């Protein structure tokens, strides 16, 4: 009985040692992937001794997905990233790992946390899947307690370095960038206010932050918005694509969505 008990303890210790060794091996030998988090308000971000992160690559539009069927909640997905400037940007996502990569590409693995569908009044039900949210396993980072006080009243994004190896991926480091980029919810509110002045009811279907616009380093929100027909709260009208300055909230362009 005692031998069995000791054997269980030893096994647990070996498992913990293996996990620690795997973590440090990724840190030592893994390739670096540079990411930005979605814009954050630090006052809503810190919880004691850790920070919860949401990345620009966390929300993926169906148009960026490659596969024979739409992803479902719980699916393992492989996200292809390409280095553009200082950061890796989303290229595509799929249920199968890409077999060939260019020298400036990396793949990170995640799991579909939830999918997003919009209510379609014509169908009286949900529309086909439009986007899905991915968790990568490096959404939590432990910090010294009270760190959030240093960032209070500032807004921006985190510059994150992730180490990726065939056997795992770890969050290596992060740095806060006070760049005054507005959050997704603030961007959505600006859209509602913009169309409210025009007395048009709208629904925001999708929002994604981009760090480049017209081949320049400029943070913009790319948004897909559906307008309701005038006089009807249920009949959907035109769908437009909006580009919004991510610092000022100014709508730069608004154009009909190309099918």
Protein backbone atom coordinates (compact mmCIF):
# COMPACT_ATOMS: atom_id res chain seq x y z
CA UNK A 1 0.00 0.00 0.00
CA UNK A 2 2.81 2.38 0.95
CA UNK A 3 4.72 1.52 -2.22
CA UNK A 4 1.64 2.27 -4.30
CA UNK A 5 1.17 5.60 -2.57
CA UNK A 6 4.83 6.52 -3.08
CA UNK A 7 4.59 5.48 -6.72
CA UNK A 8 1.65 7.84 -7.26
CA UNK A 9 3.54 10.73 -5.64
CA UNK A 10 6.62 10.05 -7.76
CA UNK A 11 4.49 9.90 -10.92
CA UNK A 12 2.89 13.26 -10.11
CA UNK A 13 6.31 14.81 -9.48
CA UNK A 14 7.60 13.46 -12.81
CA UNK A 15 4.58 14.90 -14.62
CA UNK A 16 5.21 18.33 -13.07
CA UNK A 17 8.90 18.14 -13.96
CA UNK A 18 7.98 17.18 -17.54
CA UNK A 19 5.58 20.13 -17.81
CA UNK A 20 8.21 22.53 -16.49
CA UNK A 21 10.87 21.10 -18.83
CA UNK A 22 8.52 21.45 -21.80
CA UNK A 23 7.79 25.07 -20.88
CA UNK A 24 11.46 26.01 -20.60
CA UNK A 25 12.35 24.09 -23.75
CA UNK A 26 9.80 26.16 -25.69
CA UNK A 27 11.25 29.32 -24.16
CA UNK A 28 14.82 28.32 -25.12
CA UNK A 29 14.28 26.80 -28.55
CA UNK A 30 10.96 28.18 -29.79
CA UNK A 31 10.59 30.72 -32.59
CA UNK A 32 9.42 34.21 -31.67
CA UNK A 33 6.00 35.45 -32.76
CA UNK A 34 5.27 39.15 -32.18
CA UNK A 35 1.62 39.99 -31.57
CA UNK A 36 -0.52 42.88 -30.41
CA UNK A 37 -3.46 42.51 -28.12
CA UNK A 38 -6.81 44.09 -28.90
CA UNK A 39 -7.06 47.64 -27.47
CA UNK A 40 -7.62 47.61 -23.72
CA UNK A 41 -8.65 49.82 -20.87
CA UNK A 42 -6.24 48.78 -18.07
CA UNK A 43 -8.80 49.71 -15.40
CA UNK A 44 -10.88 46.77 -16.61
CA UNK A 45 -7.92 44.51 -17.28
CA UNK A 46 -6.01 43.68 -14.11
CA UNK A 47 -7.26 41.14 -11.62
CA UNK A 48 -4.84 41.06 -8.66
CA UNK A 49 -1.76 39.26 -9.90
CA UNK A 50 -2.58 38.46 -13.51
CA UNK A 51 -3.74 40.18 -16.68
CA UNK A 52 -6.25 38.70 -19.11
CA UNK A 53 -5.38 39.28 -22.77
CA UNK A 54 -7.46 39.33 -25.94
CA UNK A 55 -5.50 39.39 -29.20
CA UNK A 56 -6.07 40.93 -32.60
CA UNK A 57 -5.96 37.37 -33.94
CA UNK A 58 -8.56 36.14 -31.42
CA UNK A 59 -11.57 37.13 -33.55
CA UNK A 60 -11.48 35.55 -37.03
CA UNK A 61 -13.93 36.25 -39.85
CA UNK A 62 -15.27 33.32 -41.83
CA UNK A 63 -13.72 34.82 -45.01
CA UNK A 64 -10.31 34.18 -43.39
CA UNK A 65 -11.08 30.50 -42.82
CA UNK A 66 -10.06 27.72 -45.21
CA UNK A 67 -11.86 24.41 -45.00
CA UNK A 68 -14.66 22.20 -46.26
CA UNK A 69 -16.93 23.03 -43.32
CA UNK A 70 -17.30 26.00 -40.96
CA UNK A 71 -15.52 25.66 -37.62
CA UNK A 72 -17.55 24.67 -34.59
CA UNK A 73 -17.19 25.37 -30.89
CA UNK A 74 -14.42 23.19 -29.45
CA UNK A 75 -12.62 22.62 -32.78
CA UNK A 76 -8.82 22.76 -32.82
CA UNK A 77 -7.69 25.32 -35.41
CA UNK A 78 -4.32 26.22 -36.89
CA UNK A 79 -3.81 29.94 -37.50
CA UNK A 80 -1.30 31.01 -40.13
CA UNK A 81 0.56 34.24 -39.39
CA UNK A 82 2.89 36.30 -41.55
CA UNK A 83 5.46 38.84 -40.36
CA UNK A 84 4.59 42.31 -41.67
CA UNK A 85 6.70 45.08 -40.23
CA UNK A 86 7.24 44.50 -36.51
CA UNK A 87 4.31 42.13 -35.97
CA UNK A 88 2.83 38.89 -37.20
CA UNK A 89 -0.53 39.36 -38.92
CA UNK A 90 -3.37 36.91 -39.50
CA UNK A 91 -3.37 35.24 -42.93
CA UNK A 92 -5.85 32.39 -42.54
CA UNK A 93 -7.16 29.70 -40.23
CA UNK A 94 -7.92 26.04 -40.93
CA UNK A 95 -8.67 22.74 -39.23
CA UNK A 96 -5.52 21.22 -40.69
CA UNK A 97 -1.96 22.37 -40.06
CA UNK A 98 -0.33 23.97 -43.13
CA UNK A 99 2.37 21.69 -44.49
CA UNK A 100 4.58 24.31 -46.11
CA UNK A 101 5.57 27.64 -44.56
CA UNK A 102 7.52 30.58 -45.93
CA UNK A 103 10.44 31.90 -43.88
CA UNK A 104 8.34 34.82 -42.59
CA UNK A 105 5.36 32.65 -41.58
CA UNK A 106 4.45 30.90 -38.34
CA UNK A 107 1.53 28.76 -37.17
CA UNK A 108 -0.10 29.00 -33.75
CA UNK A 109 -2.61 26.50 -32.48
CA UNK A 110 -5.88 27.39 -30.76
CA UNK A 111 -9.35 26.17 -29.95
CA UNK A 112 -12.65 27.71 -31.04
CA UNK A 113 -14.23 29.20 -27.92
CA UNK A 114 -17.48 30.33 -29.54
CA UNK A 115 -18.93 31.21 -32.94
CA UNK A 116 -20.90 34.33 -33.86
CA UNK A 117 -24.12 34.42 -35.82
CA UNK A 118 -26.50 37.34 -36.34
CA UNK A 119 -30.28 37.24 -36.06
CA UNK A 120 -31.81 37.31 -39.53
CA UNK A 121 -35.38 38.68 -39.47
CA UNK A 122 -36.07 37.28 -42.93
CA UNK A 123 -35.22 33.75 -41.83
CA UNK A 124 -36.60 34.34 -38.32
CA UNK A 125 -33.49 32.61 -37.10
CA UNK A 126 -29.71 32.85 -36.97
CA UNK A 127 -27.77 33.63 -40.13
CA UNK A 128 -24.87 31.42 -41.25
CA UNK A 129 -21.70 31.68 -39.15
CA UNK A 130 -19.89 34.99 -39.64
CA UNK A 131 -16.93 34.83 -37.27
CA UNK A 132 -15.43 32.77 -34.48
CA UNK A 133 -13.36 33.44 -31.37
CA UNK A 134 -10.17 31.48 -30.68
CA UNK A 135 -8.33 30.81 -27.42
CA UNK A 136 -4.61 30.05 -27.76
CA UNK A 137 -3.66 29.19 -24.21
CA UNK A 138 -1.60 32.35 -23.65
CA UNK A 139 -4.44 34.69 -22.68
CA UNK A 140 -3.28 35.02 -19.05
CA UNK A 141 -0.04 36.63 -17.88
CA UNK A 142 1.02 36.87 -14.23
CA UNK A 143 2.35 40.21 -13.02
CA UNK A 144 3.37 41.81 -9.76
CA UNK A 145 0.32 42.76 -7.70
CA UNK A 146 -0.51 46.44 -8.06
CA UNK A 147 1.00 46.73 -11.55
CA UNK A 148 -2.34 47.95 -12.88
CA UNK A 149 -2.00 51.14 -10.83
CA UNK A 150 0.94 52.16 -13.00
CA UNK A 151 -1.25 52.05 -16.09
CA UNK A 152 -4.39 53.61 -14.65
CA UNK A 153 -5.99 56.26 -16.89
CA UNK A 154 -3.96 55.06 -19.87
CA UNK A 155 -5.26 53.18 -22.87
CA UNK A 156 -3.52 51.21 -25.56
CA UNK A 157 -2.33 47.72 -26.43
CA UNK A 158 0.18 45.15 -25.23
CA UNK A 159 3.17 44.23 -27.35
CA UNK A 160 3.45 40.46 -26.82
CA UNK A 161 6.20 37.97 -27.63
CA UNK A 162 5.06 34.33 -27.91
CA UNK A 163 7.51 31.44 -28.30
CA UNK A 164 6.30 28.67 -30.64
CA UNK A 165 7.76 25.16 -30.95
CA UNK A 166 6.40 21.91 -32.43
CA UNK A 167 5.58 20.66 -28.91
CA UNK A 168 4.03 23.82 -27.47
CA UNK A 169 3.64 27.59 -27.32
CA UNK A 170 4.19 30.01 -24.42
CA UNK A 171 3.70 33.70 -23.72
CA UNK A 172 7.24 34.95 -23.20
CA UNK A 173 6.93 38.67 -22.46
CA UNK A 174 4.66 41.67 -22.85
CA UNK A 175 5.03 45.45 -22.86
CA UNK A 176 2.24 47.99 -22.58
CA UNK A 177 2.01 50.55 -25.41
CA UNK A 178 0.01 53.67 -24.52
CA UNK A 179 -1.09 54.45 -28.09
CA UNK A 180 -4.62 55.73 -27.32
CA UNK A 181 -6.31 53.19 -29.62
CA UNK A 182 -10.02 52.96 -28.76
CA UNK A 183 -11.58 49.64 -27.77
CA UNK A 184 -13.92 47.63 -29.98
CA UNK A 185 -16.93 48.63 -27.90
CA UNK A 186 -16.05 52.31 -28.21
CA UNK A 187 -15.70 51.86 -31.98
CA UNK A 188 -19.12 50.20 -32.13
CA UNK A 189 -20.63 53.08 -30.14
CA UNK A 190 -19.15 55.58 -32.61
CA UNK A 191 -20.85 53.70 -35.46
CA UNK A 192 -24.22 53.75 -33.70
CA UNK A 193 -23.86 57.47 -32.99
CA UNK A 194 -22.85 58.17 -36.61
CA UNK A 195 -25.94 56.46 -38.04
CA UNK A 196 -28.23 57.75 -35.28
CA UNK A 197 -27.60 61.26 -36.57
CA UNK A 198 -28.75 60.02 -39.97
CA UNK A 199 -31.80 58.40 -38.30
CA UNK A 200 -30.75 54.97 -39.54
CA UNK A 201 -30.81 51.85 -37.36
CA UNK A 202 -27.81 49.56 -37.84
CA UNK A 203 -26.29 46.33 -36.60
CA UNK A 204 -22.52 45.81 -36.36
CA UNK A 205 -21.79 42.31 -37.68
CA UNK A 206 -18.02 42.24 -37.31
CA UNK A 207 -15.11 44.40 -36.15
CA UNK A 208 -11.39 43.80 -36.55
CA UNK A 209 -8.39 46.01 -35.82
CA UNK A 210 -5.69 46.47 -38.46
CA UNK A 211 -2.33 48.18 -37.93
CA UNK A 212 -1.83 49.10 -41.58
CA UNK A 213 -4.04 51.10 -43.93
CA UNK A 214 -3.25 51.96 -47.54
CA UNK A 215 0.30 50.63 -47.09
CA UNK A 216 0.97 52.90 -44.12
CA UNK A 217 1.40 52.28 -40.40
CA UNK A 218 -2.03 53.45 -39.24
CA UNK A 219 -4.37 51.72 -36.80
CA UNK A 220 -7.91 51.38 -38.13
CA UNK A 221 -11.04 49.47 -37.23
CA UNK A 222 -12.46 47.45 -40.12
CA UNK A 223 -16.18 46.96 -39.55
CA UNK A 224 -19.08 45.30 -41.34
CA UNK A 225 -22.41 47.04 -40.70
CA UNK A 226 -25.93 46.16 -41.84
CA UNK A 227 -28.55 48.92 -42.06
CA UNK A 228 -32.24 48.30 -41.45
CA UNK A 229 -34.72 49.58 -44.01
CA UNK A 230 -36.33 52.85 -42.96
CA UNK A 231 -39.60 52.41 -41.14
CA UNK A 232 -38.91 48.75 -40.39
CA UNK A 233 -37.04 47.37 -37.36
CA UNK A 234 -36.87 43.90 -38.91
CA UNK A 235 -36.13 44.25 -42.63
CA UNK A 236 -32.42 44.26 -43.35
CA UNK A 237 -31.14 46.65 -45.97
CA UNK A 238 -27.69 47.35 -47.37
CA UNK A 239 -24.53 45.97 -45.78
CA UNK A 240 -21.56 48.35 -45.78
CA UNK A 241 -17.89 48.07 -44.90
CA UNK A 242 -16.50 50.83 -42.70
CA UNK A 243 -12.93 51.92 -42.07
CA UNK A 244 -12.57 53.93 -38.86
CA UNK A 245 -9.51 55.71 -37.49
CA UNK A 246 -8.71 53.71 -34.36
CA UNK A 247 -7.46 56.73 -32.41
CA UNK A 248 -9.94 59.47 -33.27
CA UNK A 249 -13.01 57.34 -34.03
CA UNK A 250 -13.45 59.18 -37.34
CA UNK A 251 -15.09 57.14 -40.10
CA UNK A 252 -12.65 57.31 -43.02
CA UNK A 253 -14.64 55.39 -45.64
CA UNK A 254 -17.99 53.64 -45.93
CA UNK A 255 -18.73 51.52 -48.97
CA UNK A 256 -21.20 48.75 -49.96
CA UNK A 257 -19.99 45.25 -49.19
CA UNK A 258 -18.78 43.36 -52.25
CA UNK A 259 -20.49 39.91 -52.42
